[in-house]
Amino acid sequence: GHRLVMDEHGQPMHKSDGTAIWFEEAAEQLGVDTLRWMYLAQNPAQDLRFGTRHPDERVTLETPEGPIDQTKEGLPCARVTSKPADEVRRMVLLPLWNSYAFFVNYAHADDFDPSLPQVPVAERPNIDQWILSNLQAFLRTANESFQKYEAAEVCRAAASFIDDLSNWYIRRNRRRFWRSREEGRGASDEGPGSRAESRERSPAAAIGGSDWDPDKLAAYQTLYKVLVTLSKALAPVIPFLAERMYRNLVGIGRGSRVEGRETGGGPESVHLCEYPQPDVELLKPDLNRQTEVVQRVVRLGHRLREEANQRVRQPLAELKFACADERDAGDIAGLSAVICDELNVKRLTRADDLGDLVSYSYKPNLKTLGPKYGKLLKVIREELPGLGDEVLEPLRNGEPVGVTVGGEEITLEPEDVLVSTEQASDWASGSDAGIQIALSTALTPELVREGMARDFVRHVQQTRKVKNLEITDRICIEYYMADELDAAAIEEWSDYIKSETLADSLQRSDEPLGDMKEVTIATERCRVSIKPVAK
């Protein structure tokens, strides 16, 4: 059990004042899988902040047995809210469901058959091998943690894996699913794990005599394997969602989006399956580490973009990096195309150091150092700024550092020192765990025009969603822009826009039309309308 179950503000819940939450209220309004995740992910030594019952707000609950307006104890059903439950859905359950939905939508459109001969894993792109390796690392953690009754560690590892699956693997591989089944055997020089690299690493011949492009088939088979395995691994934690995913993916039951295809006569329920074990042949620690380093650079780059008020769709000229660890430097250089693509920069350059672009100054934090080193405080204030970045750099990475001050050895913790950054103009700089990067924020007219084209694509894609168009529907685009220079940017990038949006035509109108939606392209106003092409 847990120490105490409190409301989301940390206050006790009582039946007498109507704040106690009854099971059926929580189950129907928050979701049973959400409840299980909340309990299993919680350290039982700590209070679980559950939710809030609003006794004055009566509700009727739709249950499997029919609508009810009273609990089994005879109390009126009331509205229940829970920010912790909302967070579980937002960070875990919705990304998992969206990953599953992404697969089944495209599998249905392409008539994917899970029983087709497998593309050998060794011949699949690095990004496929990485997600499969990452899956094995999660399975190892899940098996070891369940054996120790450490369900919270399983949930932590699962949430991390789902984030990698949704926000890295699927997002970076969308184009592989967009292509037609027969398309995509061209070579590329972009590098491992990049979108185009997947085509370079594909087997040259079709699989088993089918009409499938091997790279696209590899993407389907990889994601299918991950989702089926994940449904089995998460079945003890989220049994209902796992069951629905599993039965649909393996073609059991009504409404299967994989068109009733079987995968070899497996059990009819995920809860009848053996718990999945890690496959050591698929585990690649070096590849996992390489991707983690690249993700660290990308996260830092996105943070710098946000601080510099540069939207991701706006291309930038250059990203410079410096790091002392040669292995990290090799990982970053080896996946430079991925980093450039993720951060929307034109080139990635290694530097010995970034001293000409960024400098750091260090001052003592008197609030923490005073109680520790009262007599030495005056000496620390005088000598600390002169120690320099070479000595104090670990503090910027969240690590303590030992120094000699006034002839005495002391240890400075990160919270003991205030670090300030001075940056060169037109550059945004930062560091994380020994890696420094600097992002050029200077914009040329060419970069601005490309950014406008990317904004235009986003608005067209959003309009497709609003109109509920199928992912394979082709469209015609019509737009109105009053400024000739702005319109010239759209014309310059017309081929890119049409390719990204599945548009057969892109026409500029002489005047705004009634069915056009007003949008913002960079800082300029534009009107856009789309129409599906008759099939």
Protein backbone atom coordinates (compact mmCIF):
# COMPACT_ATOMS: atom_id res chain seq x y z
CA GLY A 1 0.00 0.00 0.00
CA HIS A 2 0.87 3.67 -0.02
CA ARG A 3 1.67 5.85 2.96
CA LEU A 4 -1.46 7.95 2.46
CA VAL A 5 -3.73 8.78 -0.47
CA MET A 6 -4.46 12.50 -0.40
CA ASP A 7 -6.23 14.92 -2.71
CA GLU A 8 -4.10 16.63 -5.35
CA HIS A 9 -3.34 19.52 -2.97
CA GLY A 10 -1.99 17.19 -0.29
CA GLN A 11 -5.07 17.40 1.95
CA PRO A 12 -6.88 14.38 3.49
CA MET A 13 -10.08 13.16 1.83
CA HIS A 14 -13.05 12.42 4.12
CA LYS A 15 -16.44 10.83 3.60
CA SER A 16 -17.95 13.24 6.13
CA ASP A 17 -17.25 16.39 4.09
CA GLY A 18 -17.86 14.79 0.69
CA THR A 19 -14.25 14.93 -0.49
CA ALA A 20 -13.67 11.13 -0.46
CA ILE A 21 -13.51 9.82 -4.04
CA TRP A 22 -15.43 6.61 -4.72
CA PHE A 23 -14.05 4.00 -7.06
CA GLU A 24 -16.74 4.23 -9.71
CA GLU A 25 -16.37 8.01 -9.84
CA ALA A 26 -12.61 7.77 -10.40
CA ALA A 27 -12.83 4.80 -12.76
CA GLU A 28 -15.37 6.37 -15.11
CA GLN A 29 -14.03 9.93 -15.06
CA LEU A 30 -10.28 9.40 -14.87
CA GLY A 31 -9.96 5.96 -16.49
CA VAL A 32 -9.00 2.65 -14.93
CA ASP A 33 -5.67 2.35 -16.77
CA THR A 34 -4.82 5.86 -15.63
CA LEU A 35 -5.58 4.87 -12.03
CA ARG A 36 -3.40 1.78 -12.22
CA TRP A 37 -0.49 3.76 -13.67
CA MET A 38 -0.80 6.41 -10.94
CA TYR A 39 -0.65 3.81 -8.17
CA LEU A 40 2.07 1.66 -9.73
CA ALA A 41 4.29 4.63 -10.63
CA GLN A 42 4.14 6.03 -7.11
CA ASN A 43 6.82 5.39 -4.48
CA PRO A 44 4.76 3.65 -1.76
CA ALA A 45 6.82 5.36 0.94
CA GLN A 46 5.37 8.71 -0.14
CA ASP A 47 1.87 10.14 -0.14
CA LEU A 48 -0.07 9.70 -3.37
CA ARG A 49 -1.75 12.94 -4.40
CA PHE A 50 -4.74 11.54 -6.22
CA GLY A 51 -7.41 14.04 -7.23
CA THR A 52 -10.22 16.30 -6.10
CA ARG A 53 -13.91 15.54 -5.66
CA HIS A 54 -16.37 18.38 -6.20
CA PRO A 55 -19.37 17.30 -4.05
CA ASP A 56 -21.59 20.17 -5.23
CA GLU A 57 -21.24 19.20 -8.91
CA ARG A 58 -23.49 16.19 -9.52
CA VAL A 59 -22.86 13.97 -12.58
CA THR A 60 -24.34 10.90 -14.23
CA LEU A 61 -21.74 8.25 -15.01
CA GLU A 62 -21.85 5.99 -18.05
CA THR A 63 -20.75 2.54 -16.85
CA PRO A 64 -20.66 -0.87 -18.58
CA GLU A 65 -23.85 -1.72 -16.66
CA GLY A 66 -25.57 1.48 -17.76
CA PRO A 67 -25.83 5.07 -16.47
CA ILE A 68 -25.69 5.64 -12.70
CA ASP A 69 -26.12 8.77 -10.59
CA GLN A 70 -25.32 7.16 -7.24
CA THR A 71 -22.35 5.22 -5.90
CA LYS A 72 -22.85 1.71 -4.54
CA GLU A 73 -22.83 3.30 -1.10
CA GLY A 74 -25.86 5.39 -2.10
CA LEU A 75 -24.09 8.75 -2.38
CA PRO A 76 -24.77 11.08 -5.33
CA CYS A 77 -22.03 10.84 -7.99
CA ALA A 78 -19.92 14.00 -8.18
CA ARG A 79 -17.38 15.41 -10.63
CA VAL A 80 -13.79 14.31 -10.03
CA THR A 81 -10.73 16.09 -11.41
CA SER A 82 -7.07 15.17 -11.13
CA LYS A 83 -4.06 17.03 -12.49
CA PRO A 84 -1.81 14.01 -11.74
CA ALA A 85 -4.17 11.83 -13.82
CA ASP A 86 -4.18 14.43 -16.60
CA GLU A 87 -0.38 14.33 -16.57
CA VAL A 88 -0.33 10.52 -16.90
CA ARG A 89 -2.64 10.70 -19.90
CA ARG A 90 -0.70 13.56 -21.50
CA MET A 91 2.79 12.18 -20.98
CA VAL A 92 2.21 8.41 -21.29
CA LEU A 93 -1.15 7.07 -22.42
CA LEU A 94 -1.90 9.54 -25.22
CA PRO A 95 1.59 9.30 -26.79
CA LEU A 96 1.29 5.50 -26.65
CA TRP A 97 -2.19 5.55 -28.18
CA ASN A 98 -1.13 8.06 -30.85
CA SER A 99 1.84 5.85 -31.77
CA TYR A 100 -0.51 2.90 -32.11
CA ALA A 101 -3.06 4.95 -34.08
CA PHE A 102 -0.34 6.22 -36.42
CA PHE A 103 0.64 2.66 -37.23
CA VAL A 104 -2.85 1.25 -37.78
CA ASN A 105 -3.95 4.19 -39.95
CA TYR A 106 -1.04 3.74 -42.34
CA ALA A 107 -1.14 -0.07 -42.13
CA HIS A 108 -4.79 0.05 -43.15
CA ALA A 109 -4.09 2.47 -46.02
CA ASP A 110 -1.18 0.34 -47.31
CA ASP A 111 -2.78 -3.05 -46.59
CA PHE A 112 0.25 -4.06 -44.53
CA ASP A 113 0.59 -7.81 -44.03
CA PRO A 114 2.53 -8.76 -40.85
CA SER A 115 3.18 -12.22 -42.28
CA LEU A 116 5.42 -10.99 -45.11
CA PRO A 117 9.03 -12.25 -44.93
CA GLN A 118 11.07 -10.11 -42.54
CA VAL A 119 13.65 -7.60 -43.71
CA PRO A 120 16.79 -8.75 -41.82
CA VAL A 121 17.37 -6.47 -38.85
CA ALA A 122 21.04 -6.07 -39.78
CA GLU A 123 19.94 -4.61 -43.14
CA ARG A 124 17.50 -2.12 -41.63
CA PRO A 125 18.46 1.55 -41.05
CA ASN A 126 20.27 2.46 -37.84
CA ILE A 127 17.18 4.13 -36.46
CA ASP A 128 15.23 0.84 -36.73
CA GLN A 129 18.06 -1.04 -35.04
CA TRP A 130 18.16 1.64 -32.34
CA ILE A 131 14.46 1.47 -31.39
CA LEU A 132 14.63 -2.35 -31.31
CA SER A 133 17.75 -2.15 -29.13
CA ASN A 134 16.07 0.41 -26.90
CA LEU A 135 13.09 -1.95 -26.59
CA GLN A 136 15.38 -4.73 -25.35
CA ALA A 137 16.90 -2.39 -22.76
CA PHE A 138 13.39 -1.56 -21.52
CA LEU A 139 12.42 -5.25 -21.40
CA ARG A 140 15.53 -6.00 -19.35
CA THR A 141 14.61 -3.26 -16.88
CA ALA A 142 10.96 -4.37 -16.76
CA ASN A 143 11.82 -8.02 -16.10
CA GLU A 144 14.36 -7.20 -13.38
CA SER A 145 12.12 -4.61 -11.73
CA PHE A 146 8.98 -6.75 -11.69
CA GLN A 147 11.01 -9.55 -10.08
CA LYS A 148 11.91 -7.09 -7.31
CA TYR A 149 8.32 -5.75 -7.07
CA GLU A 150 9.59 -2.35 -8.19
CA ALA A 151 6.64 -1.37 -10.37
CA ALA A 152 7.54 2.32 -10.17
CA GLU A 153 10.81 1.64 -11.99
CA VAL A 154 8.91 -0.23 -14.73
CA CYS A 155 6.65 2.79 -15.19
CA ARG A 156 9.62 5.18 -15.29
CA ALA A 157 11.41 3.09 -17.94
CA ALA A 158 8.19 2.63 -19.92
CA ALA A 159 7.47 6.37 -19.96
CA SER A 160 11.00 7.06 -21.20
CA PHE A 161 10.69 4.44 -23.95
CA ILE A 162 7.27 5.70 -25.07
CA ASP A 163 8.73 9.21 -25.34
CA ASP A 164 11.58 7.89 -27.52
CA LEU A 165 9.11 5.94 -29.65
CA SER A 166 6.70 8.81 -30.20
CA ASN A 167 8.92 11.89 -30.21
CA TRP A 168 11.97 10.44 -31.91
CA TYR A 169 11.39 7.22 -33.85
CA ILE A 170 7.94 7.86 -35.32
CA ARG A 171 8.42 11.58 -35.83
CA ARG A 172 11.71 11.05 -37.66
CA ASN A 173 10.31 8.23 -39.80
CA ARG A 174 7.00 9.68 -41.01
CA ARG A 175 8.27 10.02 -44.59
CA ARG A 176 8.99 6.30 -44.78
CA PHE A 177 5.31 5.61 -44.14
CA TRP A 178 4.14 8.40 -46.45
CA ARG A 179 5.88 6.98 -49.51
CA SER A 180 4.10 4.58 -51.82
CA ARG A 181 4.82 0.87 -51.37
CA GLU A 182 7.00 0.73 -54.48
CA GLU A 183 8.91 4.00 -53.97
CA GLY A 184 12.24 4.75 -52.34
CA ARG A 185 15.35 2.87 -53.41
CA GLY A 186 17.48 5.96 -54.06
CA ALA A 187 20.77 6.49 -52.21
CA SER A 188 21.54 9.29 -49.82
CA ASP A 189 24.56 10.76 -48.09
CA GLU A 190 22.82 12.12 -45.02
CA GLY A 191 24.17 9.68 -42.43
CA PRO A 192 22.95 7.05 -39.97
CA GLY A 193 19.49 7.44 -38.56
CA SER A 194 18.52 10.28 -40.87
CA ARG A 195 15.34 10.22 -42.89
CA ALA A 196 17.13 9.70 -46.17
CA GLU A 197 19.68 7.28 -44.69
CA SER A 198 16.90 4.74 -44.36
CA ARG A 199 16.78 4.45 -48.13
CA GLU A 200 20.55 4.05 -48.45
CA ARG A 201 20.63 1.13 -46.04
CA SER A 202 17.70 -0.73 -47.64
CA PRO A 203 18.16 -4.10 -49.33
CA ALA A 204 18.27 -3.71 -53.09
CA ALA A 205 15.65 -6.28 -53.92
CA ALA A 206 11.99 -6.53 -53.00
CA ILE A 207 11.18 -8.93 -50.18
CA GLY A 208 9.79 -12.31 -51.07
CA GLY A 209 8.82 -11.15 -54.54
CA SER A 210 6.31 -8.64 -53.12
CA ASP A 211 5.74 -5.14 -54.48
CA TRP A 212 6.92 -3.53 -51.22
CA ASP A 213 9.84 -1.14 -51.09
CA PRO A 214 12.10 -2.91 -48.56
CA ASP A 215 12.77 0.26 -46.58
CA LYS A 216 9.08 1.01 -46.10
CA LEU A 217 8.44 -2.63 -45.21
CA ALA A 218 11.28 -2.49 -42.67
CA ALA A 219 9.67 0.57 -41.07
CA TYR A 220 6.31 -1.22 -40.79
CA GLN A 221 7.84 -4.43 -39.45
CA THR A 222 9.93 -2.55 -36.89
CA LEU A 223 7.04 -0.48 -35.55
CA TYR A 224 4.72 -3.50 -35.58
CA LYS A 225 7.23 -5.54 -33.55
CA VAL A 226 7.67 -2.70 -31.07
CA LEU A 227 3.94 -2.11 -30.54
CA VAL A 228 3.01 -5.79 -30.14
CA THR A 229 5.89 -6.37 -27.72
CA LEU A 230 5.06 -3.19 -25.81
CA SER A 231 1.42 -4.25 -25.43
CA LYS A 232 2.62 -7.47 -23.78
CA ALA A 233 5.18 -5.72 -21.58
CA LEU A 234 2.67 -3.12 -20.32
CA ALA A 235 -0.25 -5.53 -19.85
CA PRO A 236 0.26 -5.80 -16.06
CA VAL A 237 0.23 -1.99 -15.77
CA ILE A 238 -2.45 -0.85 -18.25
CA PRO A 239 -4.42 -4.07 -18.95
CA PHE A 240 -7.32 -2.59 -20.92
CA LEU A 241 -5.35 -0.43 -23.34
CA ALA A 242 -2.78 -3.21 -23.79
CA GLU A 243 -5.54 -5.71 -24.59
CA ARG A 244 -7.14 -3.45 -27.18
CA MET A 245 -3.81 -2.75 -28.86
CA TYR A 246 -2.76 -6.40 -28.87
CA ARG A 247 -6.00 -7.84 -30.21
CA ASN A 248 -6.20 -5.28 -32.97
CA LEU A 249 -2.56 -5.57 -33.97
CA VAL A 250 -2.59 -9.36 -34.26
CA GLY A 251 -5.93 -9.36 -36.07
CA ILE A 252 -8.19 -10.81 -33.37
CA GLY A 253 -11.73 -9.59 -32.83
CA ARG A 254 -14.05 -7.29 -34.69
CA GLY A 255 -12.87 -4.04 -36.20
CA SER A 256 -9.22 -5.02 -36.55
CA ARG A 257 -7.39 -2.34 -38.54
CA VAL A 258 -4.83 -4.89 -39.78
CA GLU A 259 -7.66 -6.55 -41.71
CA GLY A 260 -7.82 -9.71 -39.63
CA ARG A 261 -4.32 -10.89 -40.47
CA GLU A 262 -2.90 -13.42 -37.99
CA THR A 263 0.71 -13.46 -36.82
CA GLY A 264 1.13 -17.16 -36.28
CA GLY A 265 -1.70 -18.36 -34.10
CA GLY A 266 -0.81 -16.47 -30.92
CA PRO A 267 -3.03 -16.34 -27.83
CA GLU A 268 -6.34 -14.54 -28.15
CA SER A 269 -5.59 -12.24 -25.24
CA VAL A 270 -2.48 -10.32 -24.30
CA HIS A 271 -2.98 -11.62 -20.77
CA LEU A 272 -2.47 -15.19 -22.02
CA CYS A 273 0.91 -14.34 -23.57
CA GLU A 274 4.27 -15.12 -22.03
CA TYR A 275 5.91 -12.00 -20.64
CA PRO A 276 8.42 -10.78 -23.28
CA GLN A 277 12.12 -11.33 -22.61
CA PRO A 278 14.98 -9.18 -23.98
CA ASP A 279 16.70 -10.45 -27.11
CA VAL A 280 20.42 -9.91 -26.52
CA GLU A 281 21.07 -10.21 -30.27
CA LEU A 282 19.13 -6.97 -30.80
CA LEU A 283 20.68 -5.08 -27.87
CA LYS A 284 23.26 -2.54 -29.08
CA PRO A 285 24.53 -0.44 -26.13
CA ASP A 286 26.86 1.66 -28.30
CA LEU A 287 24.01 2.63 -30.62
CA ASN A 288 21.79 3.48 -27.65
CA ARG A 289 24.54 5.67 -26.23
CA GLN A 290 25.20 7.40 -29.55
CA THR A 291 21.55 8.30 -29.96
CA GLU A 292 21.33 9.52 -26.36
CA VAL A 293 24.24 11.94 -26.98
CA VAL A 294 22.58 13.26 -30.13
CA GLN A 295 19.25 13.68 -28.32
CA ARG A 296 21.06 15.65 -25.62
CA VAL A 297 22.43 18.06 -28.24
CA VAL A 298 19.01 18.37 -29.86
CA ARG A 299 17.28 19.12 -26.54
CA LEU A 300 19.87 21.77 -25.76
CA GLY A 301 19.51 23.25 -29.24
CA HIS A 302 15.73 23.49 -28.89
CA ARG A 303 16.17 25.22 -25.54
CA LEU A 304 18.50 27.78 -27.12
CA ARG A 305 16.06 28.37 -29.97
CA GLU A 306 13.32 29.06 -27.46
CA GLU A 307 15.52 31.43 -25.47
CA ALA A 308 16.48 33.27 -28.68
CA ASN A 309 12.83 33.42 -29.80
CA GLN A 310 13.59 31.50 -33.01
CA ARG A 311 10.79 29.14 -34.03
CA VAL A 312 11.88 25.66 -35.16
CA ARG A 313 10.45 26.16 -38.66
CA GLN A 314 12.87 29.05 -39.24
CA PRO A 315 16.12 27.62 -40.72
CA LEU A 316 19.38 28.84 -39.16
CA ALA A 317 22.81 28.94 -40.72
CA GLU A 318 25.09 27.07 -38.31
CA LEU A 319 25.48 25.13 -35.08
CA LYS A 320 28.93 24.94 -33.50
CA PHE A 321 29.85 22.42 -30.81
CA ALA A 322 32.80 21.66 -28.57
CA CYS A 323 33.39 18.77 -26.17
CA ALA A 324 36.41 17.22 -24.51
CA ASP A 325 35.16 13.63 -24.82
CA GLU A 326 36.32 12.34 -28.22
CA ARG A 327 33.71 9.60 -28.17
CA ASP A 328 30.93 12.17 -27.72
CA ALA A 329 32.46 14.30 -30.47
CA GLY A 330 32.53 11.31 -32.82
CA ASP A 331 28.91 10.46 -32.04
CA ILE A 332 27.83 14.04 -32.76
CA ALA A 333 29.82 14.28 -35.98
CA GLY A 334 28.61 10.85 -37.13
CA LEU A 335 24.98 11.91 -36.80
CA SER A 336 25.44 15.50 -37.94
CA ALA A 337 22.69 15.15 -40.57
CA VAL A 338 20.21 14.09 -37.90
CA ILE A 339 21.11 17.04 -35.67
CA CYS A 340 20.89 19.51 -38.56
CA ASP A 341 17.52 18.09 -39.54
CA GLU A 342 16.15 18.14 -35.98
CA LEU A 343 17.31 21.69 -35.25
CA ASN A 344 16.73 22.99 -38.80
CA VAL A 345 20.28 24.28 -39.26
CA LYS A 346 22.30 24.25 -42.47
CA ARG A 347 25.60 22.98 -41.08
CA LEU A 348 27.20 21.56 -37.94
CA THR A 349 30.79 22.55 -37.14
CA ARG A 350 33.14 21.28 -34.45
CA ALA A 351 35.33 23.79 -32.62
CA ASP A 352 38.15 23.27 -30.11
CA ASP A 353 36.33 25.65 -27.79
CA LEU A 354 33.64 28.32 -27.99
CA GLY A 355 35.54 30.93 -26.00
CA ASP A 356 35.17 33.50 -28.79
CA LEU A 357 31.37 33.11 -28.67
CA VAL A 358 30.60 32.56 -25.00
CA SER A 359 32.25 33.20 -21.65
CA TYR A 360 31.25 32.39 -18.07
CA SER A 361 31.72 34.25 -14.83
CA TYR A 362 31.38 32.77 -11.34
CA LYS A 363 30.27 34.43 -8.12
CA PRO A 364 29.77 32.89 -4.66
CA ASN A 365 26.23 32.25 -3.46
CA LEU A 366 26.43 33.80 -0.02
CA LYS A 367 23.21 32.17 1.19
CA THR A 368 24.66 28.66 0.93
CA LEU A 369 28.38 29.34 1.42
CA GLY A 370 27.92 31.50 4.52
CA PRO A 371 26.68 28.69 6.82
CA LYS A 372 29.32 26.27 5.43
CA TYR A 373 32.45 28.40 5.37
CA GLY A 374 31.72 31.46 7.49
CA LYS A 375 35.35 32.34 8.27
CA LEU A 376 36.50 31.67 4.69
CA LEU A 377 33.68 33.59 3.03
CA LYS A 378 35.71 36.76 2.50
CA VAL A 379 38.56 34.81 0.87
CA ILE A 380 36.13 32.82 -1.29
CA ARG A 381 34.58 36.07 -2.56
CA GLU A 382 38.01 37.36 -3.53
CA GLU A 383 39.52 34.24 -5.09
CA LEU A 384 36.57 32.41 -6.66
CA PRO A 385 36.17 34.66 -9.75
CA GLY A 386 39.85 34.16 -10.60
CA LEU A 387 39.71 30.36 -10.67
CA GLY A 388 38.30 30.44 -14.19
CA ASP A 389 36.19 28.13 -16.30
CA GLU A 390 38.86 25.43 -16.59
CA VAL A 391 38.55 24.71 -12.85
CA LEU A 392 34.86 25.51 -12.30
CA GLU A 393 33.34 24.03 -15.48
CA PRO A 394 31.96 20.92 -13.64
CA LEU A 395 29.61 23.23 -11.73
CA ARG A 396 27.83 24.08 -15.01
CA ASN A 397 27.26 20.36 -15.53
CA GLY A 398 25.66 19.93 -12.10
CA GLU A 399 28.78 18.37 -10.54
CA PRO A 400 30.68 19.43 -7.38
CA VAL A 401 34.28 20.61 -7.66
CA GLY A 402 37.14 20.66 -5.18
CA VAL A 403 39.25 23.85 -4.98
CA THR A 404 41.91 25.41 -2.77
CA VAL A 405 40.93 28.73 -1.24
CA GLY A 406 43.04 30.57 1.32
CA GLY A 407 45.25 27.51 1.60
CA GLU A 408 42.32 25.23 2.52
CA GLU A 409 40.65 22.50 0.46
CA ILE A 410 36.91 23.00 0.08
CA THR A 411 34.16 21.42 -2.02
CA LEU A 412 31.82 23.65 -3.97
CA GLU A 413 28.39 22.29 -4.87
CA PRO A 414 26.51 23.63 -7.95
CA GLU A 415 24.13 25.56 -5.70
CA ASP A 416 27.10 27.31 -4.01
CA VAL A 417 28.10 29.27 -7.12
CA LEU A 418 26.13 31.68 -9.33
CA VAL A 419 27.08 31.28 -13.00
CA SER A 420 26.38 34.00 -15.54
CA THR A 421 26.85 33.73 -19.31
CA GLU A 422 28.03 36.38 -21.75
CA GLN A 423 27.33 35.62 -25.41
CA ALA A 424 28.49 37.12 -28.70
CA SER A 425 25.81 38.92 -30.66
CA ASP A 426 23.85 36.76 -33.13
CA TRP A 427 24.73 33.58 -31.21
CA ALA A 428 22.88 31.62 -28.52
CA SER A 429 25.06 29.34 -26.40
CA GLY A 430 24.64 26.67 -23.76
CA SER A 431 26.15 23.49 -22.33
CA ASP A 432 25.04 20.15 -20.95
CA ALA A 433 27.11 17.34 -19.43
CA GLY A 434 30.39 18.44 -21.02
CA ILE A 435 28.97 19.41 -24.42
CA GLN A 436 28.91 23.08 -25.44
CA ILE A 437 26.95 24.35 -28.41
CA ALA A 438 26.43 27.75 -30.02
CA LEU A 439 23.55 28.46 -32.41
CA SER A 440 23.78 31.19 -35.02
CA THR A 441 20.67 33.39 -34.86
CA ALA A 442 21.55 35.75 -37.75
CA LEU A 443 18.95 35.55 -40.53
CA THR A 444 19.66 36.12 -44.21
CA PRO A 445 16.87 36.89 -46.70
CA GLU A 446 17.24 33.35 -48.10
CA LEU A 447 16.72 31.81 -44.66
CA VAL A 448 13.69 34.03 -44.01
CA ARG A 449 12.06 32.95 -47.28
CA GLU A 450 12.60 29.28 -46.49
CA GLY A 451 11.10 29.81 -43.04
CA MET A 452 8.02 31.36 -44.65
CA ALA A 453 7.62 28.30 -46.87
CA ARG A 454 7.79 26.00 -43.83
CA ASP A 455 5.17 28.10 -42.04
CA PHE A 456 2.98 27.86 -45.12
CA VAL A 457 3.26 24.06 -45.12
CA ARG A 458 2.26 23.88 -41.45
CA HIS A 459 -0.90 25.91 -42.05
CA VAL A 460 -1.86 23.78 -45.05
CA GLN A 461 -1.36 20.57 -43.04
CA GLN A 462 -3.48 21.99 -40.23
CA THR A 463 -6.21 22.84 -42.73
CA ARG A 464 -6.11 19.25 -44.01
CA LYS A 465 -6.80 18.05 -40.46
CA VAL A 466 -9.66 20.51 -39.99
CA LYS A 467 -11.26 19.29 -43.21
CA ASN A 468 -10.83 15.63 -42.09
CA LEU A 469 -8.98 14.66 -45.25
CA GLU A 470 -7.47 11.21 -45.53
CA ILE A 471 -3.69 11.00 -45.22
CA THR A 472 -3.50 9.90 -48.88
CA ASP A 473 -5.85 12.57 -50.31
CA ARG A 474 -4.25 14.91 -52.83
CA ILE A 475 -5.25 18.57 -52.82
CA CYS A 476 -5.21 21.86 -54.72
CA ILE A 477 -3.98 24.96 -52.84
CA GLU A 478 -4.99 28.55 -53.51
CA TYR A 479 -3.59 31.48 -51.56
CA TYR A 480 -3.60 35.27 -51.46
CA MET A 481 -0.69 37.47 -50.37
CA ALA A 482 -0.68 41.21 -51.00
CA ASP A 483 3.09 41.67 -50.76
CA GLU A 484 5.01 40.66 -53.90
CA LEU A 485 8.19 39.73 -52.01
CA ASP A 486 6.26 37.45 -49.65
CA ALA A 487 4.46 35.81 -52.56
CA ALA A 488 7.83 35.32 -54.28
CA ALA A 489 8.99 33.25 -51.29
CA ILE A 490 6.03 30.88 -51.73
CA GLU A 491 6.69 30.63 -55.46
CA GLU A 492 10.39 29.95 -54.89
CA TRP A 493 9.57 27.02 -52.60
CA SER A 494 6.50 25.79 -54.49
CA ASP A 495 7.94 22.35 -55.30
CA TYR A 496 8.78 21.76 -51.64
CA ILE A 497 5.33 22.94 -50.52
CA LYS A 498 3.51 20.69 -52.99
CA SER A 499 5.65 17.69 -52.07
CA GLU A 500 5.09 18.10 -48.32
CA THR A 501 1.33 18.67 -48.60
CA LEU A 502 0.44 16.20 -51.41
CA ALA A 503 -0.69 19.13 -53.56
CA ASP A 504 -1.24 18.84 -57.30
CA SER A 505 -1.32 22.60 -57.74
CA LEU A 506 -0.38 25.78 -55.85
CA GLN A 507 -2.03 28.93 -57.24
CA ARG A 508 -1.86 32.55 -56.12
CA SER A 509 -5.18 34.40 -56.22
CA ASP A 510 -5.47 38.04 -57.30
CA GLU A 511 -7.83 38.74 -54.41
CA PRO A 512 -8.88 37.15 -51.12
CA LEU A 513 -11.70 34.66 -51.59
CA GLY A 514 -14.51 33.97 -49.16
CA ASP A 515 -13.48 30.41 -48.29
CA MET A 516 -9.87 31.35 -47.53
CA LYS A 517 -8.53 31.07 -43.98
CA GLU A 518 -6.34 33.89 -42.68
CA VAL A 519 -3.01 32.69 -41.27
CA THR A 520 0.35 34.16 -40.26
CA ILE A 521 3.41 33.32 -42.39
CA ALA A 522 6.46 34.46 -40.39
CA THR A 523 5.17 37.94 -39.47
CA GLU A 524 3.01 38.46 -42.55
CA ARG A 525 -0.70 37.79 -43.11
CA CYS A 526 -1.82 35.33 -45.76
CA ARG A 527 -5.08 33.68 -46.82
CA VAL A 528 -5.17 30.00 -47.78
CA SER A 529 -7.77 27.53 -49.02
CA ILE A 530 -7.47 23.89 -50.06
CA LYS A 531 -9.72 21.55 -52.01
CA PRO A 532 -9.38 17.78 -52.37
CA VAL A 533 -8.68 16.47 -55.85
CA ALA A 534 -11.55 14.39 -57.22
CA LYS A 535 -10.64 10.70 -57.21
